Amino acid sequence: MKVSVLANSLIGSEIIKIGNEVNEMKRKGATIANLTIGDFDSNIYPIPTALKAGIVEAYNQNQTNYPPADGILPLRDTVVQVLKERYNLEYKNNEILVAGGSRPLIYATYLALIDAGDTVVFPAPSWNNNHYSHLTSANVIAVDTDAEHNFMPTAAQLKPHLKGATLLALCSPLNPTGTMFTAESLAEICDAVLEENKSRGADEKPLYMMYDQIYSLLTFGVEHVNPVSLRPEMRDYTVFVDGSSKCLAATGVRVGWGFGPAAIIDKMKALVGHMGAWSPKAEQVAMSKYFADNAELDSFLTSFKAKIQDSLSALYEGFQSLKSAGFAVDAVEPMGAIYLTIKIDYIGKTTPEGQTLKDSADVNFYLIKEAGVALVPLSAFGNEDSMPWFRASVGACTLQDIKDMMPRIKVALEKLK
């Protein structure tokens, strides 16, 4: 059957592929700690009780018709309040766009700003920017980052690629690494963007920044920073992506919000409307009330973050213990989100069956079979297959699951020659 060139050239998600294989093995009886999907097991991490009750109440009140294209006004007003109180950002409700999670907002940002052939710059690793660039026929520049800078891009790494670019896509805390910008490093990047924009004529499209901060309320002793607070001049060039999905373990509730210059947000509103990617109205009604209650939100976040941090810390300490014992592993100390970046430097080693582990994917599937542990190689986020770093997501495992898997990893690595 003939389909479009675009449809025919789509690349599937490597994360979903690994997750599907893990689920198939679990159906056959295997015990596997699944650290692949950036999601939560809702039996381990349920959404807040008050939010759940609010959603049910909204349905009982028949809040089931179409919401406004940009989101219900009470929710946009709540977001205005949240931005002011928690981020010291001043935005009006016509500069807020609510959608069904962050994905439609990211896609709408690309569609609103990118013409075919425009250049998009983003760091490697990063989540899905390669796919959104492909969907918009953009020219891609993926800038390699390094462990020395916690896999966060620096101004020195990005600056050579900004000339003539249309969009710089950044995320902090970063999916897949769980690492974060410092104020100094992000300010330097903002200065590079502002410098580039000063060089452009009035008839030229500026260099915009998409700043994904969906994990900004899930941080562990590290201050979240944003471009507009650091450099107010960035306001005209920055589109933020944010929402409730990650900080409330509410990925299936589908309430995200973006904010930025009103002229861009207005175009994004039309695009989201044509997609039909609105957030369900009942969920918006409940979220507007829940997020407005600071005491309730802070109480949930305190407990929720403590559980996430305990799991991340146990995983980090487990790999540091292996490193101290002489294994070729390492990990970056957790800063935010639900991810740990892990180094397992066993490419080129041979399994007991005589198979050579040629790349990071081979190492991963060896650990799935031998240790019952599933990770995601950073090659799924734009890095080379030869890079021995992996993402571990703790949202679908208990703390005990993580403690139980560390001895299995040790035994599996000891078998490699």
Protein backbone atom coordinates (compact mmCIF):
# COMPACT_ATOMS: atom_id res chain seq x y z
CA MET A 1 0.00 0.00 0.00
CA LYS A 2 1.32 3.45 -0.93
CA VAL A 3 1.62 5.92 1.91
CA SER A 4 3.21 9.35 2.24
CA VAL A 5 6.97 9.77 2.19
CA LEU A 6 6.73 11.13 5.73
CA ALA A 7 4.75 8.16 7.04
CA ASN A 8 7.05 5.75 5.25
CA SER A 9 10.17 7.31 6.75
CA LEU A 10 9.08 7.49 10.39
CA ILE A 11 11.42 5.86 12.89
CA GLY A 12 9.81 3.98 15.75
CA SER A 13 10.62 4.64 19.39
CA GLU A 14 13.59 2.59 20.56
CA ILE A 15 12.28 2.90 24.13
CA ILE A 16 8.92 1.38 23.22
CA LYS A 17 10.69 -1.40 21.31
CA ILE A 18 12.73 -2.33 24.37
CA GLY A 19 9.67 -2.01 26.61
CA ASN A 20 7.63 -4.32 24.37
CA GLU A 21 10.35 -6.98 24.48
CA VAL A 22 10.53 -6.69 28.26
CA ASN A 23 6.76 -7.00 28.60
CA GLU A 24 6.75 -10.08 26.38
CA MET A 25 9.41 -11.71 28.56
CA LYS A 26 7.45 -10.83 31.70
CA ARG A 27 4.33 -12.43 30.20
CA LYS A 28 6.36 -15.61 29.84
CA GLY A 29 7.23 -15.52 33.53
CA ALA A 30 10.53 -13.62 33.65
CA THR A 31 11.20 -11.34 36.62
CA ILE A 32 12.52 -8.07 35.22
CA ALA A 33 13.06 -4.69 36.83
CA ASN A 34 11.76 -2.44 34.05
CA LEU A 35 13.70 0.82 34.13
CA THR A 36 12.86 1.76 30.53
CA ILE A 37 9.70 3.85 30.25
CA GLY A 38 9.59 7.41 31.59
CA ASP A 39 6.31 6.70 33.32
CA PHE A 40 4.95 5.64 36.70
CA ASP A 41 3.41 2.42 37.88
CA SER A 42 0.16 3.89 39.21
CA ASN A 43 -0.03 1.20 41.89
CA ILE A 44 3.32 2.38 43.27
CA TYR A 45 2.83 6.08 42.54
CA PRO A 46 -0.90 6.92 42.41
CA ILE A 47 -2.00 10.45 41.58
CA PRO A 48 -2.91 12.69 44.56
CA THR A 49 -6.09 11.57 46.29
CA ALA A 50 -7.56 15.08 46.19
CA LEU A 51 -6.88 15.36 42.46
CA LYS A 52 -8.55 12.03 41.78
CA ALA A 53 -11.59 13.09 43.80
CA GLY A 54 -11.68 16.39 41.92
CA ILE A 55 -11.69 14.64 38.55
CA VAL A 56 -14.53 12.35 39.61
CA GLU A 57 -16.48 15.34 40.94
CA ALA A 58 -15.99 17.23 37.67
CA TYR A 59 -17.39 14.27 35.71
CA ASN A 60 -20.31 14.06 38.11
CA GLN A 61 -20.94 17.74 37.36
CA ASN A 62 -21.08 16.83 33.64
CA GLN A 63 -17.93 18.71 32.66
CA THR A 64 -17.72 16.59 29.53
CA ASN A 65 -18.09 18.99 26.60
CA TYR A 66 -15.37 20.63 24.52
CA PRO A 67 -13.04 22.88 26.52
CA PRO A 68 -11.94 26.25 25.10
CA ALA A 69 -9.17 25.86 22.52
CA ASP A 70 -6.55 27.37 24.82
CA GLY A 71 -7.81 25.70 28.00
CA ILE A 72 -10.42 26.71 30.56
CA LEU A 73 -9.87 30.15 32.05
CA PRO A 74 -9.68 28.97 35.70
CA LEU A 75 -6.78 26.65 34.83
CA ARG A 76 -4.94 29.32 32.85
CA ASP A 77 -5.44 31.71 35.78
CA THR A 78 -4.04 29.05 38.12
CA VAL A 79 -1.00 28.61 35.85
CA VAL A 80 -0.44 32.39 35.93
CA GLN A 81 -0.47 32.15 39.73
CA VAL A 82 1.88 29.15 39.79
CA LEU A 83 4.38 30.83 37.47
CA LYS A 84 4.45 33.93 39.63
CA GLU A 85 4.69 32.17 42.99
CA ARG A 86 6.99 29.27 42.12
CA TYR A 87 9.13 30.66 39.27
CA ASN A 88 8.85 34.46 39.68
CA LEU A 89 7.62 34.65 36.08
CA GLU A 90 4.95 37.15 35.01
CA TYR A 91 2.70 35.86 32.23
CA LYS A 92 -0.91 36.74 31.36
CA ASN A 93 -3.61 34.13 30.79
CA ASN A 94 -3.61 34.85 27.04
CA GLU A 95 0.04 33.75 27.00
CA ILE A 96 -0.88 30.30 28.40
CA LEU A 97 -1.93 27.31 26.28
CA VAL A 98 -3.33 24.13 27.82
CA ALA A 99 -3.10 20.87 25.88
CA GLY A 100 -3.30 17.11 26.34
CA GLY A 101 0.11 16.76 27.95
CA SER A 102 3.43 18.20 26.81
CA ARG A 103 3.77 16.31 23.50
CA PRO A 104 1.16 18.37 21.58
CA LEU A 105 2.79 21.53 22.92
CA ILE A 106 6.24 20.47 21.71
CA TYR A 107 4.87 19.49 18.31
CA ALA A 108 2.86 22.73 18.08
CA THR A 109 6.02 24.71 18.92
CA TYR A 110 7.81 23.06 16.03
CA LEU A 111 4.88 23.58 13.67
CA ALA A 112 4.49 27.22 14.66
CA LEU A 113 8.16 28.11 14.23
CA ILE A 114 9.75 25.71 11.73
CA ASP A 115 9.52 25.78 7.95
CA ALA A 116 10.91 22.92 5.87
CA GLY A 117 14.69 23.29 5.75
CA ASP A 118 14.95 25.45 8.87
CA THR A 119 17.65 24.38 11.31
CA VAL A 120 16.87 22.99 14.77
CA VAL A 121 19.71 22.65 17.27
CA PHE A 122 19.45 20.35 20.27
CA PRO A 123 21.80 18.40 22.53
CA ALA A 124 22.49 14.70 22.31
CA PRO A 125 21.18 13.02 24.34
CA SER A 126 17.70 14.55 24.30
CA TRP A 127 14.14 13.25 24.07
CA ASN A 128 12.34 13.09 20.71
CA ASN A 129 13.70 16.28 19.14
CA ASN A 130 14.95 14.17 16.25
CA HIS A 131 11.40 12.92 15.62
CA TYR A 132 9.75 16.35 15.79
CA SER A 133 12.45 17.69 13.47
CA HIS A 134 11.69 14.90 11.05
CA LEU A 135 7.95 15.59 11.19
CA THR A 136 8.57 19.24 10.29
CA SER A 137 11.28 18.54 7.66
CA ALA A 138 13.82 20.49 9.65
CA ASN A 139 17.57 20.42 9.23
CA VAL A 140 18.98 18.78 12.36
CA ILE A 141 22.09 19.67 14.31
CA ALA A 142 22.49 17.33 17.29
CA VAL A 143 25.28 18.62 19.51
CA ASP A 144 27.15 15.96 21.48
CA THR A 145 27.46 16.58 25.20
CA ASP A 146 29.73 14.86 27.72
CA ALA A 147 29.83 13.36 31.19
CA GLU A 148 32.17 16.13 32.37
CA HIS A 149 29.24 18.58 32.10
CA ASN A 150 26.62 16.04 33.25
CA PHE A 151 25.44 15.71 29.63
CA MET A 152 24.05 19.25 29.72
CA PRO A 153 25.03 21.37 26.70
CA THR A 154 27.34 24.33 27.23
CA ALA A 155 27.37 27.64 25.40
CA ALA A 156 30.78 26.75 23.95
CA GLN A 157 29.35 23.53 22.47
CA LEU A 158 26.19 25.17 21.09
CA LYS A 159 27.45 28.54 19.87
CA PRO A 160 29.18 27.33 16.66
CA HIS A 161 25.84 25.90 15.46
CA LEU A 162 23.47 28.80 16.19
CA LYS A 163 24.22 30.91 13.11
CA GLY A 164 21.09 30.86 10.97
CA ALA A 165 19.26 28.36 13.18
CA THR A 166 15.55 28.84 13.94
CA LEU A 167 15.09 26.80 17.13
CA LEU A 168 17.26 25.73 20.04
CA ALA A 169 15.49 22.95 21.97
CA LEU A 170 16.56 22.57 25.60
CA CYS A 171 15.24 20.67 28.62
CA SER A 172 16.03 20.88 32.34
CA PRO A 173 15.83 18.68 34.33
CA LEU A 174 16.87 16.71 31.28
CA ASN A 175 15.18 13.63 29.92
CA PRO A 176 17.06 11.23 29.67
CA THR A 177 19.78 12.10 32.20
CA GLY A 178 18.01 13.70 35.16
CA THR A 179 20.70 16.39 35.19
CA MET A 180 20.16 20.17 35.25
CA PHE A 181 21.51 23.50 34.09
CA THR A 182 23.29 25.75 36.54
CA ALA A 183 22.34 29.42 36.45
CA GLU A 184 25.75 30.28 35.04
CA SER A 185 25.67 27.74 32.22
CA LEU A 186 22.12 28.59 31.13
CA ALA A 187 22.82 32.34 31.29
CA GLU A 188 25.79 31.84 28.95
CA ILE A 189 23.56 30.00 26.48
CA CYS A 190 20.96 32.77 26.68
CA ASP A 191 23.67 35.34 25.98
CA ALA A 192 24.68 33.38 22.88
CA VAL A 193 21.04 33.34 21.68
CA LEU A 194 20.64 37.06 22.29
CA GLU A 195 23.92 37.79 20.52
CA GLU A 196 22.82 35.76 17.50
CA ASN A 197 19.47 37.55 17.37
CA LYS A 198 21.16 40.97 17.41
CA SER A 199 22.93 39.98 14.19
CA ARG A 200 19.67 39.29 12.32
CA GLY A 201 17.72 41.69 10.17
CA ALA A 202 14.13 42.76 10.73
CA ASP A 203 12.90 40.48 7.94
CA GLU A 204 14.72 37.42 9.29
CA LYS A 205 13.17 34.85 11.58
CA PRO A 206 14.81 35.04 15.01
CA LEU A 207 16.46 32.19 16.86
CA TYR A 208 13.87 30.86 19.32
CA MET A 209 14.39 28.67 22.36
CA MET A 210 12.00 25.92 23.39
CA TYR A 211 12.53 25.29 27.09
CA ASP A 212 11.01 22.06 28.35
CA GLN A 213 10.72 22.19 32.16
CA ILE A 214 8.13 19.46 32.66
CA TYR A 215 10.25 18.02 35.51
CA SER A 216 10.96 21.36 37.20
CA LEU A 217 9.04 20.52 40.41
CA LEU A 218 10.91 17.20 40.74
CA THR A 219 14.35 18.37 41.88
CA PHE A 220 16.57 17.14 44.69
CA GLY A 221 18.54 19.91 46.36
CA VAL A 222 19.42 21.60 43.05
CA GLU A 223 17.77 24.88 42.07
CA HIS A 224 15.80 24.87 38.83
CA VAL A 225 16.61 27.84 36.60
CA ASN A 226 14.90 29.23 33.51
CA PRO A 227 16.04 31.51 30.67
CA VAL A 228 13.58 34.38 31.19
CA SER A 229 14.35 34.83 34.88
CA LEU A 230 18.07 34.85 34.10
CA ARG A 231 17.81 37.07 31.04
CA PRO A 232 14.48 38.96 30.78
CA GLU A 233 15.28 39.81 27.13
CA MET A 234 14.76 36.10 26.36
CA ARG A 235 11.02 36.51 26.93
CA ASP A 236 10.41 37.41 23.27
CA TYR A 237 12.26 34.32 22.07
CA THR A 238 11.29 31.59 24.57
CA VAL A 239 8.44 29.08 24.46
CA PHE A 240 8.11 27.07 27.66
CA VAL A 241 6.71 23.54 27.88
CA ASP A 242 5.39 22.48 31.28
CA GLY A 243 2.50 20.69 32.96
CA SER A 244 1.32 18.29 35.64
CA SER A 245 2.18 14.92 34.10
CA LYS A 246 5.46 14.21 35.87
CA CYS A 247 5.28 16.15 39.12
CA LEU A 248 1.96 14.49 40.08
CA ALA A 249 2.63 11.04 38.56
CA ALA A 250 -0.32 11.99 36.35
CA THR A 251 0.93 10.99 32.91
CA GLY A 252 -2.46 9.57 31.91
CA VAL A 253 -4.42 12.57 33.16
CA ARG A 254 -3.12 14.56 30.14
CA VAL A 255 -2.91 18.14 31.40
CA GLY A 256 0.04 20.12 30.09
CA TRP A 257 0.60 23.82 29.54
CA GLY A 258 2.92 25.94 27.48
CA PHE A 259 3.55 29.66 27.74
CA GLY A 260 5.41 32.33 25.84
CA PRO A 261 4.90 35.31 23.52
CA ALA A 262 1.18 35.81 22.89
CA ALA A 263 1.58 35.90 19.09
CA ILE A 264 3.26 32.47 19.07
CA ILE A 265 0.92 30.96 21.67
CA ASP A 266 -2.04 32.11 19.56
CA LYS A 267 -0.70 30.22 16.51
CA MET A 268 0.01 27.17 18.65
CA LYS A 269 -3.58 27.30 19.93
CA ALA A 270 -4.88 27.03 16.37
CA LEU A 271 -2.53 24.11 15.64
CA VAL A 272 -3.51 22.22 18.80
CA GLY A 273 -7.16 22.86 17.91
CA HIS A 274 -6.74 21.35 14.46
CA MET A 275 -5.04 18.33 16.05
CA GLY A 276 -7.88 18.04 18.56
CA ALA A 277 -5.18 17.65 21.19
CA TRP A 278 -7.08 19.37 23.97
CA SER A 279 -6.82 18.27 27.56
CA PRO A 280 -10.10 16.70 28.78
CA LYS A 281 -12.31 19.33 30.38
CA ALA A 282 -13.04 17.47 33.63
CA GLU A 283 -9.33 16.97 34.22
CA GLN A 284 -8.71 20.67 33.57
CA VAL A 285 -11.40 21.66 36.07
CA ALA A 286 -9.87 19.42 38.73
CA MET A 287 -6.31 20.52 37.98
CA SER A 288 -7.21 24.21 38.22
CA LYS A 289 -8.37 23.67 41.79
CA TYR A 290 -5.62 21.26 42.81
CA PHE A 291 -2.68 23.34 41.60
CA ALA A 292 -4.17 26.47 43.21
CA ASP A 293 -3.99 24.80 46.65
CA ASN A 294 -0.34 25.35 47.60
CA ALA A 295 -0.55 23.47 50.89
CA GLU A 296 -2.09 20.39 49.26
CA LEU A 297 0.40 20.46 46.36
CA ASP A 298 3.43 20.94 48.60
CA SER A 299 2.32 18.14 50.90
CA PHE A 300 2.05 15.73 47.98
CA LEU A 301 5.34 16.85 46.43
CA THR A 302 7.24 16.40 49.68
CA SER A 303 6.16 12.78 50.01
CA PHE A 304 6.35 11.97 46.31
CA LYS A 305 9.81 13.46 45.82
CA ALA A 306 11.15 11.64 48.87
CA LYS A 307 10.10 8.27 47.40
CA ILE A 308 11.60 9.11 44.00
CA GLN A 309 14.81 10.35 45.56
CA ASP A 310 15.13 7.23 47.73
CA SER A 311 14.94 5.05 44.61
CA LEU A 312 17.37 7.19 42.62
CA SER A 313 19.80 7.32 45.54
CA ALA A 314 19.67 3.55 46.05
CA LEU A 315 20.41 3.02 42.36
CA TYR A 316 23.21 5.59 42.38
CA GLU A 317 24.79 4.18 45.53
CA GLY A 318 24.49 0.65 44.16
CA PHE A 319 26.49 1.56 41.06
CA GLN A 320 29.03 3.55 43.07
CA SER A 321 29.51 0.45 45.22
CA LEU A 322 30.11 -1.65 42.10
CA LYS A 323 32.56 0.96 40.84
CA SER A 324 34.46 0.84 44.14
CA ALA A 325 34.63 -2.93 43.80
CA GLY A 326 36.44 -2.57 40.47
CA PHE A 327 33.59 -2.93 38.00
CA ALA A 328 33.67 -0.72 34.88
CA VAL A 329 30.56 1.24 35.84
CA ASP A 330 29.68 4.73 37.01
CA ALA A 331 26.65 6.98 37.57
CA VAL A 332 25.90 10.69 37.66
CA GLU A 333 24.49 11.86 40.98
CA PRO A 334 20.71 12.45 40.66
CA MET A 335 19.55 16.07 40.46
CA GLY A 336 15.98 15.94 39.18
CA ALA A 337 13.28 14.05 37.26
CA ILE A 338 12.96 10.27 37.61
CA TYR A 339 16.16 9.31 35.79
CA LEU A 340 19.67 8.19 36.62
CA THR A 341 22.46 8.21 34.06
CA ILE A 342 24.52 5.04 34.34
CA LYS A 343 27.77 3.99 32.68
CA ILE A 344 28.22 0.28 32.02
CA ASP A 345 31.46 0.04 30.05
CA TYR A 346 31.33 -3.56 28.84
CA ILE A 347 31.11 -3.13 25.06
CA GLY A 348 33.55 -5.60 23.49
CA LYS A 349 33.26 -8.12 26.30
CA THR A 350 32.23 -11.74 25.68
CA THR A 351 29.30 -13.56 27.25
CA PRO A 352 29.60 -17.08 28.71
CA GLU A 353 27.99 -18.34 25.46
CA GLY A 354 30.76 -16.70 23.41
CA GLN A 355 28.77 -13.75 22.08
CA THR A 356 30.63 -10.46 21.78
CA LEU A 357 28.72 -7.43 23.03
CA LYS A 358 29.17 -5.17 20.00
CA ASP A 359 27.34 -2.06 21.22
CA SER A 360 25.24 -0.59 24.02
CA ALA A 361 22.11 -2.37 22.78
CA ASP A 362 23.88 -5.74 23.16
CA VAL A 363 24.94 -4.82 26.70
CA ASN A 364 21.37 -3.86 27.51
CA PHE A 365 19.82 -7.07 26.23
CA TYR A 366 22.49 -9.10 28.00
CA LEU A 367 21.46 -7.46 31.28
CA ILE A 368 17.79 -8.06 30.52
CA LYS A 369 18.41 -11.80 30.07
CA GLU A 370 21.10 -12.35 32.68
CA ALA A 371 20.20 -9.85 35.41
CA GLY A 372 16.52 -9.22 34.82
CA VAL A 373 17.19 -5.48 34.47
CA ALA A 374 16.07 -3.36 31.51
CA LEU A 375 17.63 0.04 30.80
CA VAL A 376 17.64 2.34 27.76
CA PRO A 377 20.95 3.06 25.99
CA LEU A 378 21.60 6.74 25.36
CA SER A 379 21.86 5.74 21.69
CA ALA A 380 18.03 5.85 21.80
CA PHE A 381 18.37 9.58 22.51
CA GLY A 382 20.73 10.52 19.70
CA ASN A 383 24.12 9.25 20.83
CA GLU A 384 26.33 6.67 19.14
CA ASP A 385 25.81 2.94 19.71
CA SER A 386 29.39 2.80 21.00
CA MET A 387 28.58 5.08 23.94
CA PRO A 388 28.42 2.99 27.16
CA TRP A 389 25.87 5.19 28.97
CA PHE A 390 22.26 4.31 29.80
CA ARG A 391 19.08 5.87 31.17
CA ALA A 392 17.39 4.26 34.15
CA SER A 393 13.84 5.39 34.97
CA VAL A 394 12.66 4.55 38.48
CA GLY A 395 8.94 5.37 38.14
CA ALA A 396 7.82 1.80 37.52
CA CYS A 397 9.90 0.07 40.21
CA THR A 398 9.75 -0.06 43.98
CA LEU A 399 12.72 0.73 46.18
CA GLN A 400 12.91 -2.98 47.02
CA ASP A 401 12.97 -3.87 43.31
CA ILE A 402 16.03 -1.66 42.92
CA LYS A 403 17.78 -3.12 45.96
CA ASP A 404 17.04 -6.66 44.76
CA MET A 405 18.41 -6.09 41.27
CA MET A 406 21.88 -4.83 42.22
CA PRO A 407 23.27 -8.26 43.20
CA ARG A 408 21.91 -9.67 39.92
CA ILE A 409 23.76 -6.99 37.96
CA LYS A 410 26.97 -7.79 39.81
CA VAL A 411 26.71 -11.50 39.01
CA ALA A 412 25.91 -10.80 35.35
CA LEU A 413 28.90 -8.46 34.94
CA GLU A 414 31.21 -10.97 36.66
CA LYS A 415 30.37 -13.51 33.93
CA LEU A 416 31.67 -11.27 31.12
CA LYS A 417 35.19 -11.82 29.85
